[in-house]
Amino acid sequence: MKEPTLGNPQETIAVLQKYNFAFQKKFGQNFLIDPRVLEKIIKAAEVTEDDCVLEIGPGIGTMTQHLACAAKKVIAVEIDRALIPILQDTLSGWENVKIINEDVMKVDLAKLAEEENGGKPLKVVANLPYYITTPIIMGLFETHVPLKSITVMVQKEVADRMQVGPGTKDYGALSLAVQYYAKPYIVANVPPNCFMPRPKVGSAVIRLERYEEPPVKVKDEKLMFRIIRASFNQRRKTLANGLKNSAELDFTKEEIAEAIAAIGKEPGVRGETLTLEEFARLADELCRD
């Protein structure tokens, strides 16, 4: 098996020029050009030769090469058709890589895990397009794809939102959803000059360690997330008003008030002050089973 050949600006430019590649803004393409950051991602993902890794948005195959050296198998899902011949070239020395030209949001990842890894959990490693980070991460969790962990490069403020607690300005539906499914921690902050082209914002590598069992018990998971979304849709409103005004919920004003009182909260409480456990209790109070 070959050693990785990609990772610095000169090599990246050479590959892009060879194929006359033009960056597509609609795909949010920012290629990593710092080998030290690549090493941090691989190390944080704890990829071993027993692992099957799903990489979303491999670009020209820079991180894919490093993953292929560490993993049993790498499945690289790339939406941009123009990158497929480049990937076939840059990954030609690795027989343990499968390239799929598809929108990851349309791939049946549970089926893919079954076919490629016998249904055993995958590790997801990716430099995610920032415009679609949240839908991808929530899609991975909510569709119950078998996962060990997700180690991804995301916009710095999104990484911050994933790990904060109640009462902070970044706390919201994403924080609660991520923390219900996984334990998040930020591995490294990454400045714009580590990418080509340079993004306008700072980035961060975050690892999400999937829980075998969620940290809270709730009767109806989907109801809890509808309540959470309603609580943060209009941050300045009280929790009661947020729930009453939500098109996703159909509780009366009285039912909402009783449920809020039952979890020991004042009528004017705001959603951003509730913990995940309190949202679970509120959902159980409102659950009509």
Protein backbone atom coordinates (compact mmCIF):
# COMPACT_ATOMS: atom_id res chain seq x y z
CA MET A 1 0.00 0.00 0.00
CA LYS A 2 1.26 3.47 -0.91
CA GLU A 3 2.05 6.32 1.43
CA PRO A 4 -0.22 9.41 1.19
CA THR A 5 0.94 11.88 -1.46
CA LEU A 6 -1.55 14.69 -0.81
CA GLY A 7 -1.72 17.17 2.04
CA ASN A 8 0.14 20.38 1.24
CA PRO A 9 -0.73 23.37 -1.01
CA GLN A 10 1.73 22.54 -3.83
CA GLU A 11 0.37 18.99 -4.28
CA THR A 12 -3.23 20.20 -4.15
CA ILE A 13 -2.58 22.90 -6.77
CA ALA A 14 -0.82 20.37 -9.03
CA VAL A 15 -3.82 18.00 -8.94
CA LEU A 16 -6.33 20.82 -9.53
CA GLN A 17 -4.33 22.16 -12.49
CA LYS A 18 -3.86 18.68 -14.00
CA TYR A 19 -7.64 18.28 -14.20
CA ASN A 20 -8.44 21.96 -14.75
CA PHE A 21 -10.77 21.74 -11.74
CA ALA A 22 -13.02 24.69 -10.87
CA PHE A 23 -14.34 25.04 -7.31
CA GLN A 24 -18.14 24.84 -7.04
CA LYS A 25 -19.52 27.35 -4.56
CA LYS A 26 -22.86 25.48 -4.43
CA PHE A 27 -21.05 22.45 -2.94
CA GLY A 28 -19.22 24.51 -0.29
CA GLN A 29 -15.81 23.23 -1.37
CA ASN A 30 -12.83 24.16 0.84
CA PHE A 31 -9.98 21.65 0.58
CA LEU A 32 -7.71 21.06 3.57
CA ILE A 33 -4.03 21.84 2.85
CA ASP A 34 -2.39 21.39 6.25
CA PRO A 35 -0.92 17.92 7.01
CA ARG A 36 -0.83 18.65 10.77
CA VAL A 37 -4.60 19.19 10.84
CA LEU A 38 -5.11 15.98 8.84
CA GLU A 39 -3.08 14.07 11.43
CA LYS A 40 -5.15 15.57 14.27
CA ILE A 41 -8.39 14.47 12.59
CA ILE A 42 -7.17 10.90 11.98
CA LYS A 43 -5.84 10.65 15.54
CA ALA A 44 -9.06 12.04 17.06
CA ALA A 45 -11.18 9.63 14.99
CA GLU A 46 -9.17 6.71 16.48
CA VAL A 47 -9.29 4.86 13.16
CA THR A 48 -7.90 1.31 13.35
CA GLU A 49 -7.38 -1.47 10.82
CA ASP A 50 -10.67 -3.04 12.01
CA ASP A 51 -12.73 0.03 11.07
CA CYS A 52 -14.95 0.79 8.12
CA VAL A 53 -14.91 4.58 7.64
CA LEU A 54 -17.52 6.68 5.87
CA GLU A 55 -16.01 9.88 4.47
CA ILE A 56 -18.46 12.54 3.30
CA GLY A 57 -17.12 14.97 0.69
CA PRO A 58 -13.62 13.58 0.03
CA GLY A 59 -12.77 16.37 -2.44
CA ILE A 60 -9.57 15.36 -4.27
CA GLY A 61 -8.89 12.51 -1.82
CA THR A 62 -6.43 14.19 0.55
CA MET A 63 -7.87 12.85 3.80
CA THR A 64 -9.08 9.70 2.03
CA GLN A 65 -5.46 8.65 1.41
CA HIS A 66 -4.63 9.02 5.10
CA LEU A 67 -7.79 7.17 6.16
CA ALA A 68 -7.09 4.35 3.70
CA CYS A 69 -3.69 3.80 5.31
CA ALA A 70 -5.29 3.49 8.77
CA ALA A 71 -8.65 1.74 8.14
CA LYS A 72 -9.83 -1.63 6.91
CA LYS A 73 -12.11 0.10 4.39
CA VAL A 74 -13.08 3.64 3.37
CA ILE A 75 -16.36 4.53 1.65
CA ALA A 76 -16.02 7.99 0.12
CA VAL A 77 -19.30 9.68 -0.87
CA GLU A 78 -18.76 12.65 -3.22
CA ILE A 79 -21.59 14.70 -4.77
CA ASP A 80 -19.49 16.55 -7.40
CA ARG A 81 -19.20 14.46 -10.58
CA ALA A 82 -16.17 16.53 -11.69
CA LEU A 83 -14.17 15.15 -8.74
CA ILE A 84 -14.75 11.46 -9.54
CA PRO A 85 -11.95 11.09 -12.16
CA ILE A 86 -9.60 12.97 -9.80
CA LEU A 87 -10.47 10.60 -6.93
CA GLN A 88 -10.02 7.56 -9.18
CA ASP A 89 -6.52 8.88 -9.96
CA THR A 90 -5.42 9.99 -6.46
CA LEU A 91 -6.81 6.84 -4.81
CA SER A 92 -5.66 4.33 -7.43
CA GLY A 93 -3.03 2.87 -5.08
CA TRP A 94 -5.56 1.89 -2.41
CA GLU A 95 -7.75 -1.14 -3.00
CA ASN A 96 -9.68 -0.62 0.24
CA VAL A 97 -11.46 2.55 -0.97
CA LYS A 98 -14.92 2.63 -2.55
CA ILE A 99 -15.97 5.87 -4.27
CA ILE A 100 -19.70 6.67 -4.52
CA ASN A 101 -20.83 9.62 -6.67
CA GLU A 102 -23.99 10.56 -4.80
CA ASP A 103 -25.61 13.15 -2.54
CA VAL A 104 -25.06 11.71 0.95
CA MET A 105 -28.51 12.96 1.99
CA LYS A 106 -30.04 10.55 -0.54
CA VAL A 107 -27.91 7.51 0.33
CA ASP A 108 -29.42 4.76 2.49
CA LEU A 109 -26.52 4.71 4.95
CA ALA A 110 -27.97 1.93 7.12
CA LYS A 111 -28.14 -0.28 4.00
CA LEU A 112 -24.59 0.79 3.08
CA ALA A 113 -23.34 -0.20 6.55
CA GLU A 114 -25.03 -3.57 6.12
CA GLU A 115 -23.52 -4.18 2.68
CA GLU A 116 -20.03 -2.84 3.34
CA ASN A 117 -19.50 -3.62 7.03
CA GLY A 118 -21.91 -6.46 7.86
CA GLY A 119 -24.17 -4.03 9.76
CA LYS A 120 -21.41 -3.22 12.26
CA PRO A 121 -21.02 0.44 13.29
CA LEU A 122 -19.21 2.83 10.95
CA LYS A 123 -16.90 5.68 11.90
CA VAL A 124 -17.71 8.91 10.06
CA VAL A 125 -14.80 11.22 9.27
CA ALA A 126 -15.31 14.30 7.10
CA ASN A 127 -14.47 17.86 6.22
CA LEU A 128 -18.15 18.80 5.91
CA PRO A 129 -19.56 21.46 3.57
CA TYR A 130 -20.65 24.15 6.02
CA TYR A 131 -23.98 24.92 4.38
CA ILE A 132 -25.25 21.39 5.04
CA THR A 133 -23.45 20.40 8.26
CA THR A 134 -26.50 20.25 10.53
CA PRO A 135 -28.77 18.25 8.16
CA ILE A 136 -25.98 15.71 7.58
CA ILE A 137 -25.21 15.22 11.29
CA MET A 138 -28.88 15.08 12.30
CA GLY A 139 -29.60 12.72 9.40
CA LEU A 140 -26.87 10.35 10.61
CA PHE A 141 -28.35 10.31 14.12
CA GLU A 142 -32.09 10.37 13.40
CA THR A 143 -32.05 7.60 10.78
CA HIS A 144 -30.26 5.41 13.33
CA VAL A 145 -27.32 4.57 11.06
CA PRO A 146 -25.04 2.24 13.08
CA LEU A 147 -22.25 4.60 14.23
CA LYS A 148 -19.32 4.47 16.62
CA SER A 149 -18.36 8.10 16.25
CA ILE A 150 -18.45 11.16 13.99
CA THR A 151 -15.25 13.22 13.68
CA VAL A 152 -15.82 16.22 11.45
CA MET A 153 -14.49 19.60 10.45
CA VAL A 154 -17.25 22.17 10.82
CA GLN A 155 -17.67 25.92 11.16
CA LYS A 156 -16.29 27.01 14.55
CA GLU A 157 -19.58 28.50 15.75
CA VAL A 158 -21.45 25.28 14.87
CA ALA A 159 -18.92 23.22 16.87
CA ASP A 160 -19.44 25.62 19.80
CA ARG A 161 -23.22 25.20 19.54
CA MET A 162 -22.94 21.42 19.69
CA GLN A 163 -21.22 21.33 23.07
CA VAL A 164 -22.66 24.22 25.11
CA GLY A 165 -25.19 24.00 27.94
CA PRO A 166 -28.36 25.88 29.00
CA GLY A 167 -28.39 29.64 29.42
CA THR A 168 -25.66 30.41 26.87
CA LYS A 169 -26.33 32.32 23.64
CA ASP A 170 -25.15 29.40 21.47
CA TYR A 171 -27.41 26.87 23.23
CA GLY A 172 -30.22 25.62 21.02
CA ALA A 173 -31.95 22.72 19.30
CA LEU A 174 -28.67 21.51 17.75
CA SER A 175 -26.93 21.43 21.16
CA LEU A 176 -29.72 19.30 22.64
CA ALA A 177 -30.02 16.97 19.67
CA VAL A 178 -26.29 16.28 19.50
CA GLN A 179 -26.03 15.80 23.27
CA TYR A 180 -28.97 13.36 23.26
CA TYR A 181 -27.18 11.08 20.79
CA ALA A 182 -23.49 11.66 21.49
CA LYS A 183 -20.80 13.09 23.73
CA PRO A 184 -19.21 16.06 21.91
CA TYR A 185 -15.75 17.52 22.35
CA ILE A 186 -13.74 19.95 20.25
CA VAL A 187 -10.43 18.45 19.14
CA ALA A 188 -8.84 21.48 17.46
CA ASN A 189 -9.60 24.96 16.16
CA VAL A 190 -8.51 25.46 12.55
CA PRO A 191 -7.82 28.89 10.97
CA PRO A 192 -8.95 29.80 7.42
CA ASN A 193 -5.39 29.62 5.99
CA CYS A 194 -5.46 25.80 6.34
CA PHE A 195 -7.89 25.60 3.40
CA MET A 196 -8.02 26.25 -0.32
CA PRO A 197 -9.89 28.42 -1.09
CA ARG A 198 -9.87 30.16 2.28
CA PRO A 199 -13.28 30.23 4.00
CA LYS A 200 -14.42 33.51 5.55
CA VAL A 201 -14.89 31.87 8.98
CA GLY A 202 -12.85 29.85 11.46
CA SER A 203 -13.33 26.10 11.65
CA ALA A 204 -13.06 23.40 14.28
CA VAL A 205 -12.69 19.64 14.40
CA ILE A 206 -15.30 18.08 16.70
CA ARG A 207 -15.66 14.45 17.72
CA LEU A 208 -19.09 13.08 18.60
CA GLU A 209 -18.86 9.79 20.52
CA ARG A 210 -22.14 7.94 19.98
CA TYR A 211 -23.94 6.84 23.16
CA GLU A 212 -25.07 3.22 23.28
CA GLU A 213 -28.07 4.46 25.28
CA PRO A 214 -29.18 8.14 25.37
CA PRO A 215 -28.36 9.91 28.67
CA VAL A 216 -32.06 10.57 29.31
CA LYS A 217 -35.13 8.35 29.00
CA VAL A 218 -38.17 9.71 27.15
CA LYS A 219 -41.43 8.03 26.11
CA ASP A 220 -41.61 9.71 22.68
CA GLU A 221 -38.30 10.86 21.21
CA LYS A 222 -39.93 12.55 18.19
CA LEU A 223 -42.32 14.53 20.40
CA MET A 224 -39.39 15.71 22.55
CA PHE A 225 -37.59 17.04 19.47
CA ARG A 226 -40.74 18.79 18.21
CA ILE A 227 -40.97 20.49 21.63
CA ILE A 228 -37.28 21.42 21.53
CA ARG A 229 -37.57 22.94 18.04
CA ALA A 230 -40.69 24.89 19.06
CA SER A 231 -38.89 26.25 22.16
CA PHE A 232 -36.06 27.74 20.11
CA ASN A 233 -37.96 28.86 16.99
CA GLN A 234 -38.70 32.17 18.67
CA ARG A 235 -36.01 32.59 21.31
CA ARG A 236 -37.44 35.76 22.81
CA LYS A 237 -40.78 34.17 23.56
CA THR A 238 -41.54 32.20 26.70
CA LEU A 239 -41.52 28.42 26.52
CA ALA A 240 -45.33 28.38 26.84
CA ASN A 241 -45.80 30.77 23.89
CA GLY A 242 -43.25 28.92 21.77
CA LEU A 243 -45.11 25.63 22.27
CA LYS A 244 -48.54 27.20 21.76
CA ASN A 245 -47.50 28.91 18.47
CA SER A 246 -45.82 25.87 16.94
CA ALA A 247 -47.40 24.34 13.84
CA GLU A 248 -45.82 21.00 14.87
CA LEU A 249 -47.73 20.79 18.18
CA ASP A 250 -51.42 20.83 19.06
CA PHE A 251 -51.58 21.23 22.84
CA THR A 252 -53.97 23.64 24.56
CA LYS A 253 -52.71 26.59 26.58
CA GLU A 254 -53.89 24.80 29.74
CA GLU A 255 -52.10 21.52 28.89
CA ILE A 256 -48.84 23.40 28.29
CA ALA A 257 -49.16 25.40 31.51
CA GLU A 258 -49.85 22.24 33.55
CA ALA A 259 -46.88 20.39 32.03
CA ILE A 260 -44.50 23.31 32.71
CA ALA A 261 -45.73 23.49 36.32
CA ALA A 262 -45.38 19.69 36.67
CA ILE A 263 -41.63 19.87 35.94
CA GLY A 264 -41.25 22.61 38.56
CA LYS A 265 -40.86 25.62 36.29
CA GLU A 266 -42.41 29.11 36.45
CA PRO A 267 -45.01 30.09 33.78
CA GLY A 268 -42.63 32.65 32.22
CA VAL A 269 -39.68 30.29 31.81
CA ARG A 270 -37.76 30.38 28.50
CA GLY A 271 -36.81 27.24 26.60
CA GLU A 272 -33.12 28.15 26.53
CA THR A 273 -32.87 27.59 30.32
CA LEU A 274 -34.07 23.97 30.23
CA THR A 275 -31.69 21.02 30.31
CA LEU A 276 -32.05 17.95 28.11
CA GLU A 277 -33.44 16.05 31.11
CA GLU A 278 -36.07 18.75 31.69
CA PHE A 279 -37.14 18.65 28.04
CA ALA A 280 -37.51 14.86 28.32
CA ARG A 281 -39.70 15.28 31.44
CA LEU A 282 -41.77 17.97 29.71
CA ALA A 283 -42.30 15.66 26.70
CA ASP A 284 -43.38 12.85 29.03
CA GLU A 285 -45.89 15.20 30.71
CA LEU A 286 -47.35 16.12 27.32
CA CYS A 287 -47.23 12.59 25.88
CA ARG A 288 -50.72 11.28 25.12
CA ASP A 289 -50.17 7.55 25.27
